[in-house]
Amino acid sequence: MTTRSTTIIDSPVGWLRLAGTPDALTEVGFLDEHPTSDSDPQTPLLKEAARQLTAYFAGGLTDFELPLAPHGTDFQRRVWSALCGIPYGETASYGEIARRLGLPAGGARAVGVANATNPIAIVVPCHRVIGADGTLTGYAGGLARKRFLLDLESVRAPQQTLFSG
């Protein structure tokens, strides 16, 4: 049985719960309430994840370099992998992701469902997925967080171009 460690960090978008095995990050999740106790990252991987997230929020990191092991179906993992291909400061529509994955018409909805279940927020950049008309659509962390993350990234890339895949 693999040991899973967790830690809580504070960020500009609120408290984040980080979890992982000794070998890979499995979760970055939003907490809507102040945690009952703060914790310091105890494993090297969680320490590195916390360091990289802090650097990201400070504007000093555009690409995460962490081993990831999100729990999900094969399809969900395909979608999440495609999300990691959306460059910092850019966006893609659900339909674009569906086309990139070779999904049939209507595949954008399936991409949206998989996107909503992404267990590794921010690092797997589901916030970079927008509606076909450029509008912000649902985000598990709330639209205010999504807007914050997109605004943070637009500092380095002022125009929001669509990922062409």
N, C-alpha and C. Protein backbone atom coordinates (compact mmCIF):
# COMPACT_ATOMS: atom_id res chain seq x y z
N MET A 1 0.83 -1.17 0.00
CA MET A 1 0.00 0.00 0.00
C MET A 1 0.89 1.25 0.00
N THR A 2 0.57 2.20 -0.88
CA THR A 2 1.35 3.42 -0.99
C THR A 2 0.86 4.44 0.02
N THR A 3 1.80 5.05 0.72
CA THR A 3 1.47 6.07 1.70
C THR A 3 1.11 7.36 0.99
N ARG A 4 0.03 7.98 1.43
CA ARG A 4 -0.40 9.25 0.87
C ARG A 4 -0.21 10.32 1.94
N SER A 5 0.46 11.39 1.58
CA SER A 5 0.69 12.51 2.49
C SER A 5 -0.11 13.71 2.02
N THR A 6 -0.50 14.55 2.94
CA THR A 6 -1.21 15.78 2.59
C THR A 6 -0.61 16.96 3.34
N THR A 7 -0.85 18.12 2.80
CA THR A 7 -0.47 19.36 3.46
C THR A 7 -1.43 20.45 3.00
N ILE A 8 -1.50 21.51 3.75
CA ILE A 8 -2.33 22.67 3.42
C ILE A 8 -1.41 23.87 3.26
N ILE A 9 -1.60 24.62 2.17
CA ILE A 9 -0.84 25.85 1.99
C ILE A 9 -1.81 27.01 1.74
N ASP A 10 -1.39 28.19 2.09
CA ASP A 10 -2.17 29.39 1.82
C ASP A 10 -1.71 29.93 0.46
N SER A 11 -2.65 30.51 -0.28
CA SER A 11 -2.32 31.06 -1.59
C SER A 11 -3.23 32.26 -1.86
N PRO A 12 -2.95 33.00 -2.91
CA PRO A 12 -3.82 34.13 -3.26
C PRO A 12 -5.25 33.72 -3.63
N VAL A 13 -5.48 32.45 -3.92
CA VAL A 13 -6.83 31.99 -4.23
C VAL A 13 -7.43 31.18 -3.07
N GLY A 14 -6.83 31.32 -1.90
CA GLY A 14 -7.33 30.63 -0.72
C GLY A 14 -6.47 29.43 -0.37
N TRP A 15 -6.95 28.71 0.60
CA TRP A 15 -6.22 27.53 1.07
C TRP A 15 -6.26 26.43 0.03
N LEU A 16 -5.12 25.75 -0.13
CA LEU A 16 -5.01 24.63 -1.07
C LEU A 16 -4.56 23.40 -0.31
N ARG A 17 -5.23 22.28 -0.60
CA ARG A 17 -4.80 20.99 -0.03
C ARG A 17 -3.99 20.28 -1.10
N LEU A 18 -2.76 19.93 -0.77
CA LEU A 18 -1.88 19.18 -1.65
C LEU A 18 -1.78 17.77 -1.10
N ALA A 19 -1.83 16.80 -1.98
CA ALA A 19 -1.69 15.41 -1.56
C ALA A 19 -0.86 14.66 -2.59
N GLY A 20 -0.20 13.65 -2.12
CA GLY A 20 0.59 12.84 -3.03
C GLY A 20 1.19 11.64 -2.36
N THR A 21 1.71 10.79 -3.19
CA THR A 21 2.47 9.63 -2.73
C THR A 21 3.93 10.10 -2.68
N PRO A 22 4.84 9.26 -2.24
CA PRO A 22 6.25 9.69 -2.29
C PRO A 22 6.72 9.98 -3.72
N ASP A 23 6.03 9.41 -4.72
CA ASP A 23 6.48 9.51 -6.11
C ASP A 23 5.74 10.50 -6.98
N ALA A 24 4.52 10.92 -6.58
CA ALA A 24 3.74 11.76 -7.49
C ALA A 24 2.67 12.56 -6.74
N LEU A 25 2.38 13.73 -7.29
CA LEU A 25 1.31 14.58 -6.78
C LEU A 25 -0.02 14.01 -7.27
N THR A 26 -0.98 13.87 -6.36
CA THR A 26 -2.28 13.32 -6.73
C THR A 26 -3.42 14.32 -6.56
N GLU A 27 -3.17 15.41 -5.85
CA GLU A 27 -4.25 16.37 -5.62
C GLU A 27 -3.72 17.77 -5.33
N VAL A 28 -4.37 18.75 -5.92
CA VAL A 28 -4.31 20.15 -5.50
C VAL A 28 -5.76 20.58 -5.51
N GLY A 29 -6.32 20.76 -4.32
CA GLY A 29 -7.73 21.09 -4.22
C GLY A 29 -7.96 22.35 -3.42
N PHE A 30 -9.04 23.04 -3.75
CA PHE A 30 -9.41 24.27 -3.06
C PHE A 30 -10.17 23.95 -1.78
N LEU A 31 -9.87 24.68 -0.73
CA LEU A 31 -10.61 24.58 0.52
C LEU A 31 -11.35 25.90 0.71
N ASP A 32 -12.64 25.84 0.91
CA ASP A 32 -13.42 27.06 1.06
C ASP A 32 -13.42 27.60 2.48
N GLU A 33 -12.98 26.79 3.42
CA GLU A 33 -12.92 27.24 4.81
C GLU A 33 -11.49 27.13 5.31
N HIS A 34 -11.16 27.96 6.29
CA HIS A 34 -9.84 27.90 6.90
C HIS A 34 -9.67 26.51 7.51
N PRO A 35 -8.55 25.86 7.22
CA PRO A 35 -8.34 24.53 7.78
C PRO A 35 -8.24 24.59 9.31
N THR A 36 -8.64 23.50 9.95
CA THR A 36 -8.59 23.46 11.41
C THR A 36 -7.16 23.51 11.92
N SER A 37 -6.23 23.06 11.11
CA SER A 37 -4.82 23.16 11.51
C SER A 37 -3.97 23.33 10.26
N ASP A 38 -2.98 24.17 10.38
CA ASP A 38 -2.03 24.34 9.28
C ASP A 38 -1.06 23.17 9.31
N SER A 39 -0.46 22.90 8.18
CA SER A 39 0.55 21.84 8.17
C SER A 39 1.67 22.25 7.24
N ASP A 40 2.83 21.84 7.58
CA ASP A 40 3.99 22.08 6.73
C ASP A 40 4.21 20.85 5.87
N PRO A 41 4.57 21.06 4.62
CA PRO A 41 4.86 19.90 3.78
C PRO A 41 5.98 19.06 4.41
N GLN A 42 5.72 17.79 4.56
CA GLN A 42 6.69 16.92 5.21
C GLN A 42 7.49 16.07 4.23
N THR A 43 6.96 15.83 3.06
CA THR A 43 7.69 15.00 2.10
C THR A 43 8.41 15.89 1.09
N PRO A 44 9.50 15.42 0.52
CA PRO A 44 10.20 16.23 -0.49
C PRO A 44 9.29 16.64 -1.65
N LEU A 45 8.42 15.74 -2.09
CA LEU A 45 7.54 16.06 -3.21
C LEU A 45 6.56 17.17 -2.85
N LEU A 46 5.94 17.09 -1.68
CA LEU A 46 4.99 18.13 -1.29
C LEU A 46 5.70 19.46 -1.03
N LYS A 47 6.90 19.40 -0.51
CA LYS A 47 7.68 20.63 -0.34
C LYS A 47 7.95 21.27 -1.70
N GLU A 48 8.32 20.46 -2.68
CA GLU A 48 8.59 20.98 -4.01
C GLU A 48 7.32 21.51 -4.66
N ALA A 49 6.21 20.81 -4.49
CA ALA A 49 4.93 21.28 -5.04
C ALA A 49 4.56 22.63 -4.43
N ALA A 50 4.70 22.76 -3.12
CA ALA A 50 4.40 24.03 -2.44
C ALA A 50 5.33 25.13 -2.95
N ARG A 51 6.61 24.82 -3.14
CA ARG A 51 7.56 25.81 -3.65
C ARG A 51 7.17 26.27 -5.05
N GLN A 52 6.83 25.32 -5.92
CA GLN A 52 6.47 25.67 -7.29
C GLN A 52 5.16 26.47 -7.34
N LEU A 53 4.18 26.11 -6.52
CA LEU A 53 2.94 26.88 -6.50
C LEU A 53 3.18 28.30 -6.00
N THR A 54 4.02 28.45 -4.99
CA THR A 54 4.36 29.78 -4.49
C THR A 54 5.04 30.60 -5.58
N ALA A 55 5.95 29.99 -6.31
CA ALA A 55 6.64 30.68 -7.41
C ALA A 55 5.66 31.04 -8.53
N TYR A 56 4.73 30.16 -8.83
CA TYR A 56 3.70 30.43 -9.84
C TYR A 56 2.90 31.68 -9.45
N PHE A 57 2.42 31.71 -8.21
CA PHE A 57 1.61 32.85 -7.77
C PHE A 57 2.42 34.14 -7.72
N ALA A 58 3.72 34.04 -7.55
CA ALA A 58 4.59 35.22 -7.53
C ALA A 58 4.96 35.67 -8.95
N GLY A 59 4.53 34.93 -9.96
CA GLY A 59 4.83 35.28 -11.34
C GLY A 59 6.17 34.79 -11.82
N GLY A 60 6.82 33.93 -11.05
CA GLY A 60 8.16 33.47 -11.41
C GLY A 60 8.21 32.06 -11.99
N LEU A 61 7.05 31.43 -12.21
CA LEU A 61 7.04 30.06 -12.74
C LEU A 61 5.89 29.94 -13.73
N THR A 62 6.19 29.46 -14.91
CA THR A 62 5.14 29.29 -15.92
C THR A 62 4.87 27.83 -16.26
N ASP A 63 5.78 26.95 -15.92
CA ASP A 63 5.60 25.52 -16.20
C ASP A 63 5.95 24.72 -14.95
N PHE A 64 5.00 23.93 -14.51
CA PHE A 64 5.24 23.07 -13.36
C PHE A 64 6.03 21.85 -13.81
N GLU A 65 6.96 21.45 -12.97
CA GLU A 65 7.74 20.24 -13.23
C GLU A 65 7.60 19.34 -12.02
N LEU A 66 6.49 18.63 -12.01
CA LEU A 66 6.17 17.72 -10.91
C LEU A 66 5.66 16.41 -11.48
N PRO A 67 6.01 15.30 -10.87
CA PRO A 67 5.42 14.03 -11.31
C PRO A 67 3.96 14.00 -10.85
N LEU A 68 3.06 13.66 -11.78
CA LEU A 68 1.63 13.67 -11.49
C LEU A 68 1.03 12.28 -11.61
N ALA A 69 0.07 11.98 -10.76
CA ALA A 69 -0.66 10.71 -10.82
C ALA A 69 -2.11 10.96 -10.44
N PRO A 70 -2.85 11.66 -11.31
CA PRO A 70 -4.26 11.92 -10.99
C PRO A 70 -5.08 10.63 -11.08
N HIS A 71 -5.99 10.48 -10.15
CA HIS A 71 -6.88 9.31 -10.16
C HIS A 71 -8.09 9.63 -11.03
N GLY A 72 -8.32 8.78 -12.02
CA GLY A 72 -9.46 8.98 -12.92
C GLY A 72 -9.49 7.88 -13.96
N THR A 73 -10.49 7.96 -14.81
CA THR A 73 -10.62 6.99 -15.90
C THR A 73 -9.57 7.27 -16.96
N ASP A 74 -9.42 6.34 -17.88
CA ASP A 74 -8.47 6.56 -18.98
C ASP A 74 -8.86 7.81 -19.77
N PHE A 75 -10.16 7.99 -20.02
CA PHE A 75 -10.61 9.17 -20.76
C PHE A 75 -10.29 10.45 -20.00
N GLN A 76 -10.58 10.48 -18.71
CA GLN A 76 -10.28 11.67 -17.91
C GLN A 76 -8.79 11.99 -17.96
N ARG A 77 -7.95 10.97 -17.82
CA ARG A 77 -6.51 11.21 -17.86
C ARG A 77 -6.05 11.72 -19.23
N ARG A 78 -6.71 11.27 -20.30
CA ARG A 78 -6.40 11.80 -21.65
C ARG A 78 -6.72 13.28 -21.73
N VAL A 79 -7.88 13.65 -21.20
CA VAL A 79 -8.27 15.07 -21.20
C VAL A 79 -7.29 15.87 -20.36
N TRP A 80 -6.98 15.41 -19.16
CA TRP A 80 -6.08 16.15 -18.27
C TRP A 80 -4.70 16.30 -18.90
N SER A 81 -4.26 15.28 -19.60
CA SER A 81 -2.97 15.36 -20.30
C SER A 81 -3.03 16.44 -21.38
N ALA A 82 -4.15 16.50 -22.10
CA ALA A 82 -4.32 17.54 -23.12
C ALA A 82 -4.32 18.93 -22.50
N LEU A 83 -4.89 19.06 -21.32
CA LEU A 83 -4.90 20.36 -20.65
C LEU A 83 -3.48 20.83 -20.36
N CYS A 84 -2.62 19.90 -20.02
CA CYS A 84 -1.22 20.26 -19.73
C CYS A 84 -0.51 20.79 -20.96
N GLY A 85 -1.08 20.58 -22.15
CA GLY A 85 -0.50 21.10 -23.38
C GLY A 85 -0.93 22.52 -23.70
N ILE A 86 -1.82 23.11 -22.92
CA ILE A 86 -2.22 24.50 -23.15
C ILE A 86 -1.16 25.39 -22.50
N PRO A 87 -0.45 26.15 -23.28
CA PRO A 87 0.64 26.96 -22.71
C PRO A 87 0.16 28.02 -21.73
N TYR A 88 1.04 28.37 -20.83
CA TYR A 88 0.82 29.46 -19.87
C TYR A 88 0.42 30.72 -20.64
N GLY A 89 -0.60 31.40 -20.16
CA GLY A 89 -1.03 32.63 -20.79
C GLY A 89 -1.93 32.45 -21.98
N GLU A 90 -2.29 31.22 -22.31
CA GLU A 90 -3.18 30.95 -23.43
C GLU A 90 -4.39 30.18 -22.94
N THR A 91 -5.40 30.11 -23.78
CA THR A 91 -6.61 29.36 -23.45
C THR A 91 -6.99 28.46 -24.62
N ALA A 92 -7.88 27.54 -24.35
CA ALA A 92 -8.45 26.67 -25.39
C ALA A 92 -9.91 26.44 -25.04
N SER A 93 -10.71 26.21 -26.04
CA SER A 93 -12.12 25.92 -25.78
C SER A 93 -12.29 24.41 -25.55
N TYR A 94 -13.42 24.08 -24.97
CA TYR A 94 -13.74 22.67 -24.76
C TYR A 94 -13.76 21.94 -26.10
N GLY A 95 -14.32 22.60 -27.11
CA GLY A 95 -14.37 22.00 -28.45
C GLY A 95 -13.00 21.77 -29.05
N GLU A 96 -12.09 22.72 -28.82
CA GLU A 96 -10.72 22.55 -29.32
C GLU A 96 -10.06 21.34 -28.69
N ILE A 97 -10.24 21.18 -27.40
CA ILE A 97 -9.67 20.01 -26.71
C ILE A 97 -10.29 18.73 -27.27
N ALA A 98 -11.60 18.74 -27.47
CA ALA A 98 -12.28 17.56 -28.03
C ALA A 98 -11.72 17.21 -29.40
N ARG A 99 -11.56 18.22 -30.24
CA ARG A 99 -11.01 17.97 -31.59
C ARG A 99 -9.58 17.44 -31.50
N ARG A 100 -8.80 18.01 -30.60
CA ARG A 100 -7.41 17.55 -30.44
C ARG A 100 -7.36 16.08 -30.03
N LEU A 101 -8.36 15.65 -29.26
CA LEU A 101 -8.42 14.26 -28.81
C LEU A 101 -9.10 13.35 -29.83
N GLY A 102 -9.57 13.92 -30.94
CA GLY A 102 -10.23 13.13 -31.97
C GLY A 102 -11.62 12.67 -31.59
N LEU A 103 -12.29 13.42 -30.75
CA LEU A 103 -13.63 13.05 -30.32
C LEU A 103 -14.66 13.46 -31.37
N PRO A 104 -15.77 12.74 -31.44
CA PRO A 104 -16.81 13.09 -32.40
C PRO A 104 -17.54 14.36 -31.98
N ALA A 105 -18.43 14.84 -32.85
CA ALA A 105 -19.25 16.01 -32.54
C ALA A 105 -19.93 15.80 -31.19
N GLY A 106 -19.99 16.84 -30.41
CA GLY A 106 -20.56 16.72 -29.07
C GLY A 106 -19.52 16.35 -28.03
N GLY A 107 -18.28 16.14 -28.44
CA GLY A 107 -17.23 15.75 -27.51
C GLY A 107 -16.86 16.84 -26.52
N ALA A 108 -17.21 18.08 -26.84
CA ALA A 108 -16.90 19.19 -25.93
C ALA A 108 -17.56 18.98 -24.57
N ARG A 109 -18.75 18.43 -24.57
CA ARG A 109 -19.46 18.19 -23.31
C ARG A 109 -18.70 17.16 -22.46
N ALA A 110 -18.21 16.11 -23.08
CA ALA A 110 -17.44 15.09 -22.36
C ALA A 110 -16.15 15.68 -21.81
N VAL A 111 -15.52 16.56 -22.60
CA VAL A 111 -14.31 17.25 -22.13
C VAL A 111 -14.65 18.09 -20.92
N GLY A 112 -15.79 18.79 -20.96
CA GLY A 112 -16.21 19.61 -19.83
C GLY A 112 -16.42 18.81 -18.57
N VAL A 113 -17.02 17.64 -18.69
CA VAL A 113 -17.25 16.78 -17.53
C VAL A 113 -15.92 16.31 -16.95
N ALA A 114 -15.00 15.89 -17.83
CA ALA A 114 -13.67 15.46 -17.35
C ALA A 114 -12.93 16.63 -16.72
N ASN A 115 -13.03 17.79 -17.34
CA ASN A 115 -12.36 18.98 -16.84
C ASN A 115 -12.83 19.30 -15.42
N ALA A 116 -14.12 19.15 -15.19
CA ALA A 116 -14.70 19.47 -13.88
C ALA A 116 -14.24 18.53 -12.77
N THR A 117 -13.73 17.37 -13.14
CA THR A 117 -13.29 16.40 -12.14
C THR A 117 -11.78 16.35 -11.98
N ASN A 118 -11.08 17.30 -12.58
CA ASN A 118 -9.62 17.36 -12.48
C ASN A 118 -9.21 17.46 -11.00
N PRO A 119 -8.47 16.48 -10.48
CA PRO A 119 -8.10 16.52 -9.07
C PRO A 119 -6.86 17.35 -8.77
N ILE A 120 -6.16 17.82 -9.81
CA ILE A 120 -4.90 18.55 -9.59
C ILE A 120 -5.04 19.95 -10.17
N ALA A 121 -5.88 20.76 -9.51
CA ALA A 121 -6.13 22.12 -9.98
C ALA A 121 -4.83 22.91 -10.10
N ILE A 122 -4.84 23.87 -10.94
CA ILE A 122 -3.76 24.82 -11.21
C ILE A 122 -2.59 24.14 -11.93
N VAL A 123 -2.05 23.07 -11.36
CA VAL A 123 -0.92 22.37 -11.98
C VAL A 123 -1.38 21.72 -13.29
N VAL A 124 -2.53 21.08 -13.27
CA VAL A 124 -3.19 20.62 -14.50
C VAL A 124 -4.17 21.75 -14.81
N PRO A 125 -3.84 22.60 -15.79
CA PRO A 125 -4.49 23.91 -15.91
C PRO A 125 -5.89 23.90 -16.51
N CYS A 126 -6.83 23.33 -15.79
CA CYS A 126 -8.22 23.31 -16.26
C CYS A 126 -8.81 24.72 -16.30
N HIS A 127 -8.19 25.66 -15.59
CA HIS A 127 -8.67 27.04 -15.63
C HIS A 127 -8.45 27.68 -17.00
N ARG A 128 -7.62 27.10 -17.83
CA ARG A 128 -7.33 27.65 -19.15
C ARG A 128 -8.35 27.25 -20.20
N VAL A 129 -9.35 26.47 -19.81
CA VAL A 129 -10.38 26.04 -20.76
C VAL A 129 -11.58 26.97 -20.63
N ILE A 130 -12.00 27.50 -21.78
CA ILE A 130 -13.08 28.49 -21.82
C ILE A 130 -14.14 28.06 -22.82
N GLY A 131 -15.25 28.79 -22.84
CA GLY A 131 -16.30 28.52 -23.81
C GLY A 131 -15.84 28.87 -25.22
N ALA A 132 -16.52 28.31 -26.21
CA ALA A 132 -16.16 28.55 -27.61
C ALA A 132 -16.22 30.03 -27.98
N ASP A 133 -17.09 30.79 -27.30
CA ASP A 133 -17.21 32.21 -27.59
C ASP A 133 -16.28 33.07 -26.73
N GLY A 134 -15.37 32.42 -26.00
CA GLY A 134 -14.41 33.14 -25.18
C GLY A 134 -14.88 33.46 -23.78
N THR A 135 -16.09 33.04 -23.43
CA THR A 135 -16.60 33.32 -22.08
C THR A 135 -16.03 32.34 -21.07
N LEU A 136 -15.98 32.81 -19.83
CA LEU A 136 -15.59 31.92 -18.75
C LEU A 136 -16.79 31.06 -18.41
N THR A 137 -16.55 29.78 -18.32
CA THR A 137 -17.61 28.86 -17.94
C THR A 137 -17.20 28.16 -16.67
N GLY A 138 -18.00 27.26 -16.19
CA GLY A 138 -17.82 26.62 -14.90
C GLY A 138 -16.39 26.27 -14.54
N TYR A 139 -16.13 26.34 -13.25
CA TYR A 139 -14.83 25.98 -12.70
C TYR A 139 -15.07 25.47 -11.30
N ALA A 140 -14.52 24.32 -10.99
CA ALA A 140 -14.76 23.70 -9.68
C ALA A 140 -14.36 24.62 -8.53
N GLY A 141 -13.38 25.46 -8.74
CA GLY A 141 -12.94 26.39 -7.70
C GLY A 141 -13.73 27.69 -7.70
N GLY A 142 -14.67 27.84 -8.62
CA GLY A 142 -15.45 29.06 -8.74
C GLY A 142 -14.88 29.98 -9.81
N LEU A 143 -15.77 30.74 -10.44
CA LEU A 143 -15.35 31.60 -11.53
C LEU A 143 -14.41 32.72 -11.07
N ALA A 144 -14.55 33.18 -9.83
CA ALA A 144 -13.64 34.23 -9.34
C ALA A 144 -12.20 33.72 -9.31
N ARG A 145 -12.01 32.47 -8.89
CA ARG A 145 -10.66 31.89 -8.89
C ARG A 145 -10.15 31.72 -10.32
N LYS A 146 -11.04 31.25 -11.20
CA LYS A 146 -10.64 31.06 -12.60
C LYS A 146 -10.19 32.39 -13.20
N ARG A 147 -10.97 33.44 -12.98
CA ARG A 147 -10.60 34.76 -13.50
C ARG A 147 -9.27 35.21 -12.91
N PHE A 148 -9.06 35.01 -11.61
CA PHE A 148 -7.81 35.40 -10.97
C PHE A 148 -6.63 34.69 -11.65
N LEU A 149 -6.75 33.38 -11.85
CA LEU A 149 -5.66 32.61 -12.45
C LEU A 149 -5.38 33.06 -13.88
N LEU A 150 -6.43 33.30 -14.66
CA LEU A 150 -6.23 33.78 -16.03
C LEU A 150 -5.62 35.18 -16.04
N ASP A 151 -6.07 36.04 -15.14
CA ASP A 151 -5.48 37.37 -15.05
C ASP A 151 -4.02 37.30 -14.63
N LEU A 152 -3.70 36.43 -13.69
CA LEU A 152 -2.32 36.25 -13.26
C LEU A 152 -1.45 35.86 -14.45
N GLU A 153 -1.92 34.94 -15.24
CA GLU A 153 -1.14 34.48 -16.38
C GLU A 153 -1.09 35.49 -17.51
N SER A 154 -2.08 36.33 -17.63
CA SER A 154 -2.08 37.30 -18.73
C SER A 154 -1.06 38.40 -18.51
N VAL A 155 -0.50 38.50 -17.31
CA VAL A 155 0.57 39.47 -17.06
C VAL A 155 1.73 39.18 -18.00
N ARG A 156 2.00 37.90 -18.25
CA ARG A 156 3.11 37.52 -19.11
C ARG A 156 2.67 37.42 -20.59
N ALA A 157 1.39 37.19 -20.82
CA ALA A 157 0.87 37.08 -22.19
C ALA A 157 -0.43 37.88 -22.26
N PRO A 158 -0.33 39.20 -22.53
CA PRO A 158 -1.49 40.06 -22.43
C PRO A 158 -2.67 39.64 -23.30
N GLN A 159 -2.43 39.15 -24.48
CA GLN A 159 -3.54 38.71 -25.31
C GLN A 159 -3.89 37.27 -24.97
N GLN A 160 -5.19 36.98 -24.97
CA GLN A 160 -5.61 35.60 -24.75
C GLN A 160 -5.84 34.97 -26.11
N THR A 161 -4.87 34.23 -26.58
CA THR A 161 -5.01 33.56 -27.86
C THR A 161 -5.55 32.17 -27.61
N LEU A 162 -6.17 31.59 -28.59
CA LEU A 162 -6.68 30.25 -28.44
C LEU A 162 -5.63 29.26 -28.87
N PHE A 163 -5.48 28.23 -28.08
CA PHE A 163 -4.51 27.17 -28.33
C PHE A 163 -4.87 26.49 -29.64
N SER A 164 -3.93 26.35 -30.52
CA SER A 164 -4.22 25.77 -31.82
C SER A 164 -3.84 24.30 -31.90
N GLY A 165 -3.21 23.79 -30.84
CA GLY A 165 -2.96 22.38 -30.71
C GLY A 165 -2.00 21.78 -31.62
